[in-house]
């Protein structure tokens, strides 16, 4: 239970270590992926001599030699519960959005 191998289509599978599968702690890789799942990954490193490809499923992970991106401040309350949707940057467009805006004004 150390991670999951991903078929990259380059005659060599890559490994996503369990610590690179999620930003939250997981005990078992099967909590995140199942055999046959299609996943989005980022290549962290390639070791041709040892025939190893290191991958991550956390898209905000910096590549080796890159500056790490600023992490958001931790949420109060331990971060438990459902994630809240982000507010849209621009107002929605269309007849349904217009109807919601009209109903909200009343």
PDB file of N, CA and C in Angstrom:
ATOM      1  N   UNK A   1       0.831  -1.194   0.000  1.00  0.00           N
ATOM      2  CA  UNK A   1       0.000   0.000   0.000  1.00  0.00           C
ATOM      3  C   UNK A   1       0.868   1.247   0.000  1.00  0.00           C
ATOM      4  N   UNK A   2       1.722   1.372  -0.998  1.00  0.00           N
ATOM      5  CA  UNK A   2       2.629   2.510  -1.046  1.00  0.00           C
ATOM      6  C   UNK A   2       2.284   3.483  -2.150  1.00  0.00           C
ATOM      7  N   UNK A   3       1.297   3.181  -2.968  1.00  0.00           N
ATOM      8  CA  UNK A   3       0.912   4.074  -4.042  1.00  0.00           C
ATOM      9  C   UNK A   3       0.222   3.329  -5.160  1.00  0.00           C
ATOM     10  N   UNK A   4       0.257   3.934  -6.336  1.00  0.00           N
ATOM     11  CA  UNK A   4      -0.391   3.333  -7.497  1.00  0.00           C
ATOM     12  C   UNK A   4       0.497   3.510  -8.720  1.00  0.00           C
ATOM     13  N   UNK A   5       0.562   2.464  -9.531  1.00  0.00           N
ATOM     14  CA  UNK A   5       1.292   2.544 -10.781  1.00  0.00           C
ATOM     15  C   UNK A   5       0.348   3.034 -11.872  1.00  0.00           C
ATOM     16  N   UNK A   6       0.862   3.920 -12.724  1.00  0.00           N
ATOM     17  CA  UNK A   6       0.070   4.533 -13.786  1.00  0.00           C
ATOM     18  C   UNK A   6       0.723   4.200 -15.122  1.00  0.00           C
ATOM     19  N   UNK A   7      -0.079   3.688 -16.061  1.00  0.00           N
ATOM     20  CA  UNK A   7       0.397   3.397 -17.408  1.00  0.00           C
ATOM     21  C   UNK A   7       0.428   4.707 -18.191  1.00  0.00           C
ATOM     22  N   UNK A   8       1.632   5.140 -18.527  1.00  0.00           N
ATOM     23  CA  UNK A   8       1.807   6.406 -19.243  1.00  0.00           C
ATOM     24  C   UNK A   8       1.848   6.234 -20.749  1.00  0.00           C
ATOM     25  N   UNK A   9       1.959   4.990 -21.212  1.00  0.00           N
ATOM     26  CA  UNK A   9       2.047   4.736 -22.640  1.00  0.00           C
ATOM     27  C   UNK A   9       3.442   4.939 -23.194  1.00  0.00           C
ATOM     28  N   UNK A  10       4.473   4.868 -22.343  1.00  0.00           N
ATOM     29  CA  UNK A  10       5.850   5.046 -22.801  1.00  0.00           C
ATOM     30  C   UNK A  10       6.689   3.816 -22.473  1.00  0.00           C
ATOM     31  N   UNK A  11       6.073   2.656 -22.449  1.00  0.00           N
ATOM     32  CA  UNK A  11       6.730   1.374 -22.168  1.00  0.00           C
ATOM     33  C   UNK A  11       7.285   1.298 -20.758  1.00  0.00           C
ATOM     34  N   UNK A  12       6.909   2.220 -19.894  1.00  0.00           N
ATOM     35  CA  UNK A  12       7.351   2.192 -18.505  1.00  0.00           C
ATOM     36  C   UNK A  12       6.251   2.827 -17.658  1.00  0.00           C
ATOM     37  N   UNK A  13       5.767   2.087 -16.666  1.00  0.00           N
ATOM     38  CA  UNK A  13       4.762   2.639 -15.766  1.00  0.00           C
ATOM     39  C   UNK A  13       5.415   3.635 -14.826  1.00  0.00           C
ATOM     40  N   UNK A  14       4.641   4.601 -14.359  1.00  0.00           N
ATOM     41  CA  UNK A  14       5.108   5.566 -13.367  1.00  0.00           C
ATOM     42  C   UNK A  14       4.426   5.289 -12.042  1.00  0.00           C
ATOM     43  N   UNK A  15       5.049   5.728 -10.964  1.00  0.00           N
ATOM     44  CA  UNK A  15       4.501   5.522  -9.627  1.00  0.00           C
ATOM     45  C   UNK A  15       4.017   6.833  -9.047  1.00  0.00           C
ATOM     46  N   UNK A  16       2.772   6.820  -8.547  1.00  0.00           N
ATOM     47  CA  UNK A  16       2.259   7.922  -7.745  1.00  0.00           C
ATOM     48  C   UNK A  16       2.319   7.425  -6.304  1.00  0.00           C
ATOM     49  N   UNK A  17       3.237   7.983  -5.513  1.00  0.00           N
ATOM     50  CA  UNK A  17       3.361   7.577  -4.116  1.00  0.00           C
ATOM     51  C   UNK A  17       2.097   7.981  -3.375  1.00  0.00           C
ATOM     52  N   UNK A  18       1.749   7.241  -2.336  1.00  0.00           N
ATOM     53  CA  UNK A  18       0.525   7.499  -1.571  1.00  0.00           C
ATOM     54  C   UNK A  18       0.492   8.930  -1.042  1.00  0.00           C
ATOM     55  N   UNK A  19       1.650   9.495  -0.716  1.00  0.00           N
ATOM     56  CA  UNK A  19       1.701  10.864  -0.204  1.00  0.00           C
ATOM     57  C   UNK A  19       1.442  11.900  -1.298  1.00  0.00           C
ATOM     58  N   UNK A  20       1.523  11.495  -2.569  1.00  0.00           N
ATOM     59  CA  UNK A  20       1.304  12.416  -3.685  1.00  0.00           C
ATOM     60  C   UNK A  20      -0.050  12.194  -4.351  1.00  0.00           C
ATOM     61  N   UNK A  21      -0.930  11.438  -3.695  1.00  0.00           N
ATOM     62  CA  UNK A  21      -2.239  11.155  -4.290  1.00  0.00           C
ATOM     63  C   UNK A  21      -3.310  12.148  -3.860  1.00  0.00           C
ATOM     64  N   UNK A  22      -3.127  12.764  -2.704  1.00  0.00           N
ATOM     65  CA  UNK A  22      -4.137  13.660  -2.176  1.00  0.00           C
ATOM     66  C   UNK A  22      -3.480  14.649  -1.233  1.00  0.00           C
ATOM     67  N   UNK A  23      -4.114  15.784  -1.050  1.00  0.00           N
ATOM     68  CA  UNK A  23      -3.600  16.753  -0.088  1.00  0.00           C
ATOM     69  C   UNK A  23      -3.987  16.358   1.334  1.00  0.00           C
ATOM     70  N   UNK A  24      -4.920  15.442   1.472  1.00  0.00           N
ATOM     71  CA  UNK A  24      -5.331  14.956   2.788  1.00  0.00           C
ATOM     72  C   UNK A  24      -4.718  13.587   3.036  1.00  0.00           C
ATOM     73  N   UNK A  25      -4.586  13.216   4.319  1.00  0.00           N
ATOM     74  CA  UNK A  25      -4.020  11.924   4.674  1.00  0.00           C
ATOM     75  C   UNK A  25      -4.951  10.799   4.224  1.00  0.00           C
ATOM     76  N   UNK A  26      -4.376   9.793   3.577  1.00  0.00           N
ATOM     77  CA  UNK A  26      -5.132   8.596   3.209  1.00  0.00           C
ATOM     78  C   UNK A  26      -4.361   7.374   3.682  1.00  0.00           C
ATOM     79  N   UNK A  27      -5.093   6.370   4.110  1.00  0.00           N
ATOM     80  CA  UNK A  27      -4.465   5.139   4.607  1.00  0.00           C
ATOM     81  C   UNK A  27      -4.203   4.141   3.481  1.00  0.00           C
ATOM     82  N   UNK A  28      -5.047   4.165   2.471  1.00  0.00           N
ATOM     83  CA  UNK A  28      -4.989   3.165   1.417  1.00  0.00           C
ATOM     84  C   UNK A  28      -5.180   3.858   0.070  1.00  0.00           C
ATOM     85  N   UNK A  29      -4.319   3.570  -0.902  1.00  0.00           N
ATOM     86  CA  UNK A  29      -4.464   4.211  -2.219  1.00  0.00           C
ATOM     87  C   UNK A  29      -5.826   3.977  -2.857  1.00  0.00           C
ATOM     88  N   UNK A  30      -6.493   2.883  -2.485  1.00  0.00           N
ATOM     89  CA  UNK A  30      -7.811   2.580  -3.074  1.00  0.00           C
ATOM     90  C   UNK A  30      -8.889   3.541  -2.591  1.00  0.00           C
ATOM     91  N   UNK A  31      -8.567   4.401  -1.605  1.00  0.00           N
ATOM     92  CA  UNK A  31      -9.504   5.453  -1.204  1.00  0.00           C
ATOM     93  C   UNK A  31      -9.595   6.523  -2.290  1.00  0.00           C
ATOM     94  N   UNK A  32      -8.551   6.619  -3.118  1.00  0.00           N
ATOM     95  CA  UNK A  32      -8.473   7.670  -4.134  1.00  0.00           C
ATOM     96  C   UNK A  32      -8.690   7.117  -5.538  1.00  0.00           C
ATOM     97  N   UNK A  33      -8.046   5.991  -5.861  1.00  0.00           N
ATOM     98  CA  UNK A  33      -8.138   5.426  -7.210  1.00  0.00           C
ATOM     99  C   UNK A  33      -8.419   3.932  -7.152  1.00  0.00           C
ATOM    100  N   UNK A  34      -8.984   3.456  -8.232  1.00  0.00           N
ATOM    101  CA  UNK A  34      -9.265   2.023  -8.400  1.00  0.00           C
ATOM    102  C   UNK A  34      -8.599   1.568  -9.701  1.00  0.00           C
ATOM    103  N   UNK A  35      -8.319   0.281  -9.853  1.00  0.00           N
ATOM    104  CA  UNK A  35      -7.750  -0.199 -11.121  1.00  0.00           C
ATOM    105  C   UNK A  35      -8.651   0.187 -12.296  1.00  0.00           C
ATOM    106  N   UNK A  36      -8.043   0.708 -13.339  1.00  0.00           N
ATOM    107  CA  UNK A  36      -8.789   1.109 -14.529  1.00  0.00           C
ATOM    108  C   UNK A  36      -9.198   2.568 -14.540  1.00  0.00           C
ATOM    109  N   UNK A  37      -9.048   3.281 -13.419  1.00  0.00           N
ATOM    110  CA  UNK A  37      -9.397   4.704 -13.385  1.00  0.00           C
ATOM    111  C   UNK A  37      -8.464   5.496 -14.290  1.00  0.00           C
ATOM    112  N   UNK A  38      -9.003   6.521 -14.924  1.00  0.00           N
ATOM    113  CA  UNK A  38      -8.201   7.456 -15.702  1.00  0.00           C
ATOM    114  C   UNK A  38      -7.925   8.649 -14.784  1.00  0.00           C
ATOM    115  N   UNK A  39      -6.648   8.977 -14.607  1.00  0.00           N
ATOM    116  CA  UNK A  39      -6.282  10.042 -13.681  1.00  0.00           C
ATOM    117  C   UNK A  39      -5.434  11.094 -14.378  1.00  0.00           C
ATOM    118  N   UNK A  40      -5.438  12.299 -13.830  1.00  0.00           N
ATOM    119  CA  UNK A  40      -4.595  13.374 -14.320  1.00  0.00           C
ATOM    120  C   UNK A  40      -3.372  13.416 -13.410  1.00  0.00           C
ATOM    121  N   UNK A  41      -2.176  13.388 -14.004  1.00  0.00           N
ATOM    122  CA  UNK A  41      -0.946  13.342 -13.223  1.00  0.00           C
ATOM    123  C   UNK A  41       0.044  14.368 -13.756  1.00  0.00           C
ATOM    124  N   UNK A  42       1.069  14.624 -12.945  1.00  0.00           N
ATOM    125  CA  UNK A  42       2.174  15.484 -13.358  1.00  0.00           C
ATOM    126  C   UNK A  42       3.462  14.705 -13.114  1.00  0.00           C
ATOM    127  N   UNK A  43       4.382  14.741 -14.068  1.00  0.00           N
ATOM    128  CA  UNK A  43       5.663  14.035 -13.945  1.00  0.00           C
ATOM    129  C   UNK A  43       6.598  14.881 -13.088  1.00  0.00           C
ATOM    130  N   UNK A  44       7.083  14.284 -11.982  1.00  0.00           N
ATOM    131  CA  UNK A  44       8.016  14.978 -11.104  1.00  0.00           C
ATOM    132  C   UNK A  44       9.459  14.732 -11.502  1.00  0.00           C
ATOM    133  N   UNK A  45       9.774  13.480 -11.830  1.00  0.00           N
ATOM    134  CA  UNK A  45      11.153  13.180 -12.223  1.00  0.00           C
ATOM    135  C   UNK A  45      11.190  11.892 -13.032  1.00  0.00           C
ATOM    136  N   UNK A  46      12.246  11.778 -13.832  1.00  0.00           N
ATOM    137  CA  UNK A  46      12.482  10.580 -14.633  1.00  0.00           C
ATOM    138  C   UNK A  46      13.916  10.135 -14.354  1.00  0.00           C
ATOM    139  N   UNK A  47      14.073   8.892 -13.915  1.00  0.00           N
ATOM    140  CA  UNK A  47      15.394   8.307 -13.672  1.00  0.00           C
ATOM    141  C   UNK A  47      15.590   7.209 -14.711  1.00  0.00           C
ATOM    142  N   UNK A  48      16.254   7.557 -15.815  1.00  0.00           N
ATOM    143  CA  UNK A  48      16.425   6.601 -16.918  1.00  0.00           C
ATOM    144  C   UNK A  48      17.276   5.407 -16.497  1.00  0.00           C
ATOM    145  N   UNK A  49      18.321   5.654 -15.697  1.00  0.00           N
ATOM    146  CA  UNK A  49      19.218   4.578 -15.293  1.00  0.00           C
ATOM    147  C   UNK A  49      18.475   3.515 -14.489  1.00  0.00           C
ATOM    148  N   UNK A  50      17.620   3.942 -13.549  1.00  0.00           N
ATOM    149  CA  UNK A  50      16.880   2.986 -12.712  1.00  0.00           C
ATOM    150  C   UNK A  50      15.504   2.667 -13.287  1.00  0.00           C
ATOM    151  N   UNK A  51      15.172   3.290 -14.431  1.00  0.00           N
ATOM    152  CA  UNK A  51      13.891   3.082 -15.106  1.00  0.00           C
ATOM    153  C   UNK A  51      12.719   3.368 -14.167  1.00  0.00           C
ATOM    154  N   UNK A  52      12.738   4.591 -13.592  1.00  0.00           N
ATOM    155  CA  UNK A  52      11.678   5.007 -12.674  1.00  0.00           C
ATOM    156  C   UNK A  52      11.145   6.370 -13.080  1.00  0.00           C
ATOM    157  N   UNK A  53       9.830   6.512 -12.979  1.00  0.00           N
ATOM    158  CA  UNK A  53       9.169   7.774 -13.261  1.00  0.00           C
ATOM    159  C   UNK A  53       8.341   8.129 -12.036  1.00  0.00           C
ATOM    160  N   UNK A  54       8.646   9.265 -11.416  1.00  0.00           N
ATOM    161  CA  UNK A  54       7.905   9.720 -10.235  1.00  0.00           C
ATOM    162  C   UNK A  54       6.790  10.653 -10.682  1.00  0.00           C
ATOM    163  N   UNK A  55       5.587  10.403 -10.183  1.00  0.00           N
ATOM    164  CA  UNK A  55       4.404  11.159 -10.576  1.00  0.00           C
ATOM    165  C   UNK A  55       3.706  11.727  -9.351  1.00  0.00           C
ATOM    166  N   UNK A  56       2.849  12.710  -9.574  1.00  0.00           N
ATOM    167  CA  UNK A  56       1.995  13.232  -8.523  1.00  0.00           C
ATOM    168  C   UNK A  56       0.605  13.485  -9.101  1.00  0.00           C
ATOM    169  N   UNK A  57      -0.405  13.338  -8.264  1.00  0.00           N
ATOM    170  CA  UNK A  57      -1.770  13.671  -8.646  1.00  0.00           C
ATOM    171  C   UNK A  57      -2.160  15.034  -8.069  1.00  0.00           C
ATOM    172  N   UNK A  58      -1.256  15.620  -7.281  1.00  0.00           N
ATOM    173  CA  UNK A  58      -1.488  16.948  -6.711  1.00  0.00           C
ATOM    174  C   UNK A  58      -0.899  17.969  -7.679  1.00  0.00           C
ATOM    175  N   UNK A  59      -1.746  18.616  -8.439  1.00  0.00           N
ATOM    176  CA  UNK A  59      -1.297  19.505  -9.507  1.00  0.00           C
ATOM    177  C   UNK A  59      -0.576  20.742  -8.980  1.00  0.00           C
ATOM    178  N   UNK A  60      -0.736  21.073  -7.699  1.00  0.00           N
ATOM    179  CA  UNK A  60      -0.053  22.237  -7.152  1.00  0.00           C
ATOM    180  C   UNK A  60       1.347  21.908  -6.637  1.00  0.00           C
ATOM    181  N   UNK A  61       1.768  20.632  -6.680  1.00  0.00           N
ATOM    182  CA  UNK A  61       3.119  20.255  -6.265  1.00  0.00           C
ATOM    183  C   UNK A  61       4.140  20.890  -7.208  1.00  0.00           C
ATOM    184  N   UNK A  62       5.190  21.504  -6.639  1.00  0.00           N
ATOM    185  CA  UNK A  62       6.209  22.095  -7.515  1.00  0.00           C
ATOM    186  C   UNK A  62       7.099  21.017  -8.121  1.00  0.00           C
ATOM    187  N   UNK A  63       7.610  21.284  -9.299  1.00  0.00           N
ATOM    188  CA  UNK A  63       8.586  20.398  -9.912  1.00  0.00           C
ATOM    189  C   UNK A  63       9.920  20.606  -9.209  1.00  0.00           C
ATOM    190  N   UNK A  64      10.807  19.616  -9.223  1.00  0.00           N
ATOM    191  CA  UNK A  64      12.117  19.824  -8.605  1.00  0.00           C
ATOM    192  C   UNK A  64      12.814  21.044  -9.199  1.00  0.00           C
ATOM    193  N   UNK A  65      13.309  21.923  -8.328  1.00  0.00           N
ATOM    194  CA  UNK A  65      13.972  23.147  -8.766  1.00  0.00           C
ATOM    195  C   UNK A  65      13.036  24.332  -8.895  1.00  0.00           C
ATOM    196  N   UNK A  66      11.725  24.110  -8.800  1.00  0.00           N
ATOM    197  CA  UNK A  66      10.752  25.200  -8.864  1.00  0.00           C
ATOM    198  C   UNK A  66      10.501  25.756  -7.473  1.00  0.00           C
ATOM    199  N   UNK A  67      10.088  27.010  -7.438  1.00  0.00           N
ATOM    200  CA  UNK A  67       9.671  27.614  -6.181  1.00  0.00           C
ATOM    201  C   UNK A  67       8.303  27.037  -5.809  1.00  0.00           C
ATOM    202  N   UNK A  68       8.115  26.628  -4.551  1.00  0.00           N
ATOM    203  CA  UNK A  68       6.791  26.139  -4.168  1.00  0.00           C
ATOM    204  C   UNK A  68       5.761  27.265  -4.205  1.00  0.00           C
ATOM    205  N   UNK A  69       4.572  26.924  -4.656  1.00  0.00           N
ATOM    206  CA  UNK A  69       3.482  27.898  -4.699  1.00  0.00           C
ATOM    207  C   UNK A  69       3.036  28.197  -3.280  1.00  0.00           C
ATOM    208  N   UNK A  70       2.512  29.423  -3.081  1.00  0.00           N
ATOM    209  CA  UNK A  70       2.018  29.780  -1.754  1.00  0.00           C
ATOM    210  C   UNK A  70       0.834  28.910  -1.403  1.00  0.00           C
ATOM    211  N   UNK A  71       0.871  28.338  -0.204  1.00  0.00           N
ATOM    212  CA  UNK A  71      -0.235  27.503   0.240  1.00  0.00           C
ATOM    213  C   UNK A  71      -1.270  28.380   0.922  1.00  0.00           C
ATOM    214  N   UNK A  72      -2.564  28.092   0.710  1.00  0.00           N
ATOM    215  CA  UNK A  72      -3.591  28.880   1.384  1.00  0.00           C
ATOM    216  C   UNK A  72      -3.549  28.620   2.885  1.00  0.00           C
ATOM    217  N   UNK A  73      -3.984  29.614   3.644  1.00  0.00           N
ATOM    218  CA  UNK A  73      -4.004  29.476   5.102  1.00  0.00           C
ATOM    219  C   UNK A  73      -4.946  28.349   5.494  1.00  0.00           C
ATOM    220  N   UNK A  74      -4.601  27.570   6.529  1.00  0.00           N
ATOM    221  CA  UNK A  74      -5.481  26.474   6.936  1.00  0.00           C
ATOM    222  C   UNK A  74      -6.818  26.999   7.441  1.00  0.00           C
ATOM    223  N   UNK A  75      -7.861  26.224   7.185  1.00  0.00           N
ATOM    224  CA  UNK A  75      -9.201  26.602   7.601  1.00  0.00           C
ATOM    225  C   UNK A  75      -9.378  26.323   9.078  1.00  0.00           C
ATOM    226  N   UNK A  76     -10.187  27.141   9.710  1.00  0.00           N
ATOM    227  CA  UNK A  76     -10.496  26.906  11.118  1.00  0.00           C
ATOM    228  C   UNK A  76     -11.439  25.731  11.231  1.00  0.00           C
ATOM    229  N   UNK A  77     -11.373  25.021  12.352  1.00  0.00           N
ATOM    230  CA  UNK A  77     -12.261  23.891  12.576  1.00  0.00           C
ATOM    231  C   UNK A  77     -11.686  22.585  12.080  1.00  0.00           C
ATOM    232  N   UNK A  78     -10.401  22.532  11.795  1.00  0.00           N
ATOM    233  CA  UNK A  78      -9.769  21.276  11.418  1.00  0.00           C
ATOM    234  C   UNK A  78      -9.960  20.878   9.969  1.00  0.00           C
ATOM    235  N   UNK A  79     -10.636  21.689   9.175  1.00  0.00           N
ATOM    236  CA  UNK A  79     -10.782  21.374   7.764  1.00  0.00           C
ATOM    237  C   UNK A  79     -11.748  20.241   7.475  1.00  0.00           C
ATOM    238  N   UNK A  80     -12.583  19.871   8.448  1.00  0.00           N
ATOM    239  CA  UNK A  80     -13.523  18.777   8.221  1.00  0.00           C
ATOM    240  C   UNK A  80     -14.789  19.316   7.582  1.00  0.00           C
ATOM    241  N   UNK A  81     -15.520  18.451   6.933  1.00  0.00           N
ATOM    242  CA  UNK A  81     -16.776  18.831   6.315  1.00  0.00           C
ATOM    243  C   UNK A  81     -16.642  18.914   4.810  1.00  0.00           C
ATOM    244  N   UNK A  82     -17.738  19.260   4.172  1.00  0.00           N
ATOM    245  CA  UNK A  82     -17.765  19.350   2.714  1.00  0.00           C
ATOM    246  C   UNK A  82     -17.047  20.603   2.247  1.00  0.00           C
ATOM    247  N   UNK A  83     -16.295  20.511   1.140  1.00  0.00           N
ATOM    248  CA  UNK A  83     -15.698  21.728   0.588  1.00  0.00           C
ATOM    249  C   UNK A  83     -16.790  22.616   0.015  1.00  0.00           C
ATOM    250  N   UNK A  84     -16.653  23.907   0.215  1.00  0.00           N
ATOM    251  CA  UNK A  84     -17.646  24.858  -0.264  1.00  0.00           C
ATOM    252  C   UNK A  84     -17.284  25.294  -1.674  1.00  0.00           C
ATOM    253  N   UNK A  85     -18.286  25.443  -2.546  1.00  0.00           N
ATOM    254  CA  UNK A  85     -17.987  25.888  -3.911  1.00  0.00           C
ATOM    255  C   UNK A  85     -17.486  27.327  -3.904  1.00  0.00           C
ATOM    256  N   UNK A  86     -16.605  27.644  -4.851  1.00  0.00           N
ATOM    257  CA  UNK A  86     -16.080  28.994  -4.965  1.00  0.00           C
ATOM    258  C   UNK A  86     -17.105  29.875  -5.663  1.00  0.00           C
ATOM    259  N   UNK A  87     -17.121  31.139  -5.265  1.00  0.00           N
ATOM    260  CA  UNK A  87     -18.004  32.096  -5.919  1.00  0.00           C
ATOM    261  C   UNK A  87     -17.454  32.402  -7.303  1.00  0.00           C
ATOM    262  N   UNK A  88     -18.317  32.530  -8.300  1.00  0.00           N
ATOM    263  CA  UNK A  88     -17.819  32.821  -9.645  1.00  0.00           C
ATOM    264  C   UNK A  88     -17.182  34.209  -9.696  1.00  0.00           C
ATOM    265  N   UNK A  89     -16.153  34.350 -10.536  1.00  0.00           N
ATOM    266  CA  UNK A  89     -15.462  35.623 -10.680  1.00  0.00           C
ATOM    267  C   UNK A  89     -16.309  36.646 -11.425  1.00  0.00           C
ATOM    268  N   UNK A  90     -17.100  36.170 -12.369  1.00  0.00           N
ATOM    269  CA  UNK A  90     -17.952  37.075 -13.124  1.00  0.00           C
ATOM    270  C   UNK A  90     -19.389  36.572 -13.014  1.00  0.00           C
ATOM    271  N   UNK A  91     -20.360  37.472 -13.148  1.00  0.00           N
ATOM    272  CA  UNK A  91     -21.751  37.036 -13.038  1.00  0.00           C
ATOM    273  C   UNK A  91     -22.129  36.065 -14.156  1.00  0.00           C
ATOM    274  N   UNK A  92     -22.985  35.112 -13.811  1.00  0.00           N
ATOM    275  CA  UNK A  92     -23.436  34.130 -14.796  1.00  0.00           C
ATOM    276  C   UNK A  92     -24.277  34.828 -15.861  1.00  0.00           C
ATOM    277  N   UNK A  93     -24.261  34.261 -17.059  1.00  0.00           N
ATOM    278  CA  UNK A  93     -25.018  34.827 -18.161  1.00  0.00           C
ATOM    279  C   UNK A  93     -26.056  33.833 -18.629  1.00  0.00           C
ATOM    280  N   UNK A  94     -27.120  34.339 -19.250  1.00  0.00           N
ATOM    281  CA  UNK A  94     -28.145  33.472 -19.791  1.00  0.00           C
ATOM    282  C   UNK A  94     -29.494  33.745 -19.157  1.00  0.00           C
ATOM    283  N   UNK A  95     -30.527  33.151 -19.733  1.00  0.00           N
ATOM    284  CA  UNK A  95     -31.886  33.416 -19.269  1.00  0.00           C
ATOM    285  C   UNK A  95     -32.142  32.849 -17.878  1.00  0.00           C
ATOM    286  N   UNK A  96     -31.569  31.694 -17.552  1.00  0.00           N
ATOM    287  CA  UNK A  96     -31.753  31.119 -16.224  1.00  0.00           C
ATOM    288  C   UNK A  96     -31.085  32.005 -15.166  1.00  0.00           C
ATOM    289  N   UNK A  97     -29.883  32.504 -15.472  1.00  0.00           N
ATOM    290  CA  UNK A  97     -29.193  33.404 -14.546  1.00  0.00           C
ATOM    291  C   UNK A  97     -29.992  34.691 -14.361  1.00  0.00           C
ATOM    292  N   UNK A  98     -30.576  35.205 -15.444  1.00  0.00           N
ATOM    293  CA  UNK A  98     -31.408  36.405 -15.339  1.00  0.00           C
ATOM    294  C   UNK A  98     -32.613  36.153 -14.450  1.00  0.00           C
ATOM    295  N   UNK A  99     -33.232  34.986 -14.572  1.00  0.00           N
ATOM    296  CA  UNK A  99     -34.389  34.648 -13.739  1.00  0.00           C
ATOM    297  C   UNK A  99     -33.999  34.558 -12.265  1.00  0.00           C
ATOM    298  N   UNK A 100     -32.818  33.976 -11.975  1.00  0.00           N
ATOM    299  CA  UNK A 100     -32.361  33.903 -10.584  1.00  0.00           C
ATOM    300  C   UNK A 100     -32.090  35.307 -10.013  1.00  0.00           C
ATOM    301  N   UNK A 101     -31.480  36.162 -10.817  1.00  0.00           N
ATOM    302  CA  UNK A 101     -31.214  37.531 -10.350  1.00  0.00           C
ATOM    303  C   UNK A 101     -32.515  38.273 -10.085  1.00  0.00           C
ATOM    304  N   UNK A 102     -33.506  38.093 -10.949  1.00  0.00           N
ATOM    305  CA  UNK A 102     -34.796  38.753 -10.776  1.00  0.00           C
ATOM    306  C   UNK A 102     -35.490  38.248  -9.514  1.00  0.00           C
ATOM    307  N   UNK A 103     -35.409  36.941  -9.275  1.00  0.00           N
ATOM    308  CA  UNK A 103     -36.034  36.362  -8.088  1.00  0.00           C
ATOM    309  C   UNK A 103     -35.319  36.826  -6.818  1.00  0.00           C
ATOM    310  N   UNK A 104     -34.034  37.002  -6.904  1.00  0.00           N
ATOM    311  CA  UNK A 104     -33.241  37.422  -5.736  1.00  0.00           C
ATOM    312  C   UNK A 104     -33.578  38.854  -5.359  1.00  0.00           C
ATOM    313  N   UNK A 105     -33.897  39.707  -6.347  1.00  0.00           N
ATOM    314  CA  UNK A 105     -34.227  41.118  -6.078  1.00  0.00           C
ATOM    315  C   UNK A 105     -35.563  41.248  -5.372  1.00  0.00           C
ATOM    316  N   UNK A 106     -36.453  40.274  -5.556  1.00  0.00           N
ATOM    317  CA  UNK A 106     -37.804  40.362  -4.979  1.00  0.00           C
ATOM    318  C   UNK A 106     -37.802  40.043  -3.525  1.00  0.00           C
TER     319      UNK A 106
END
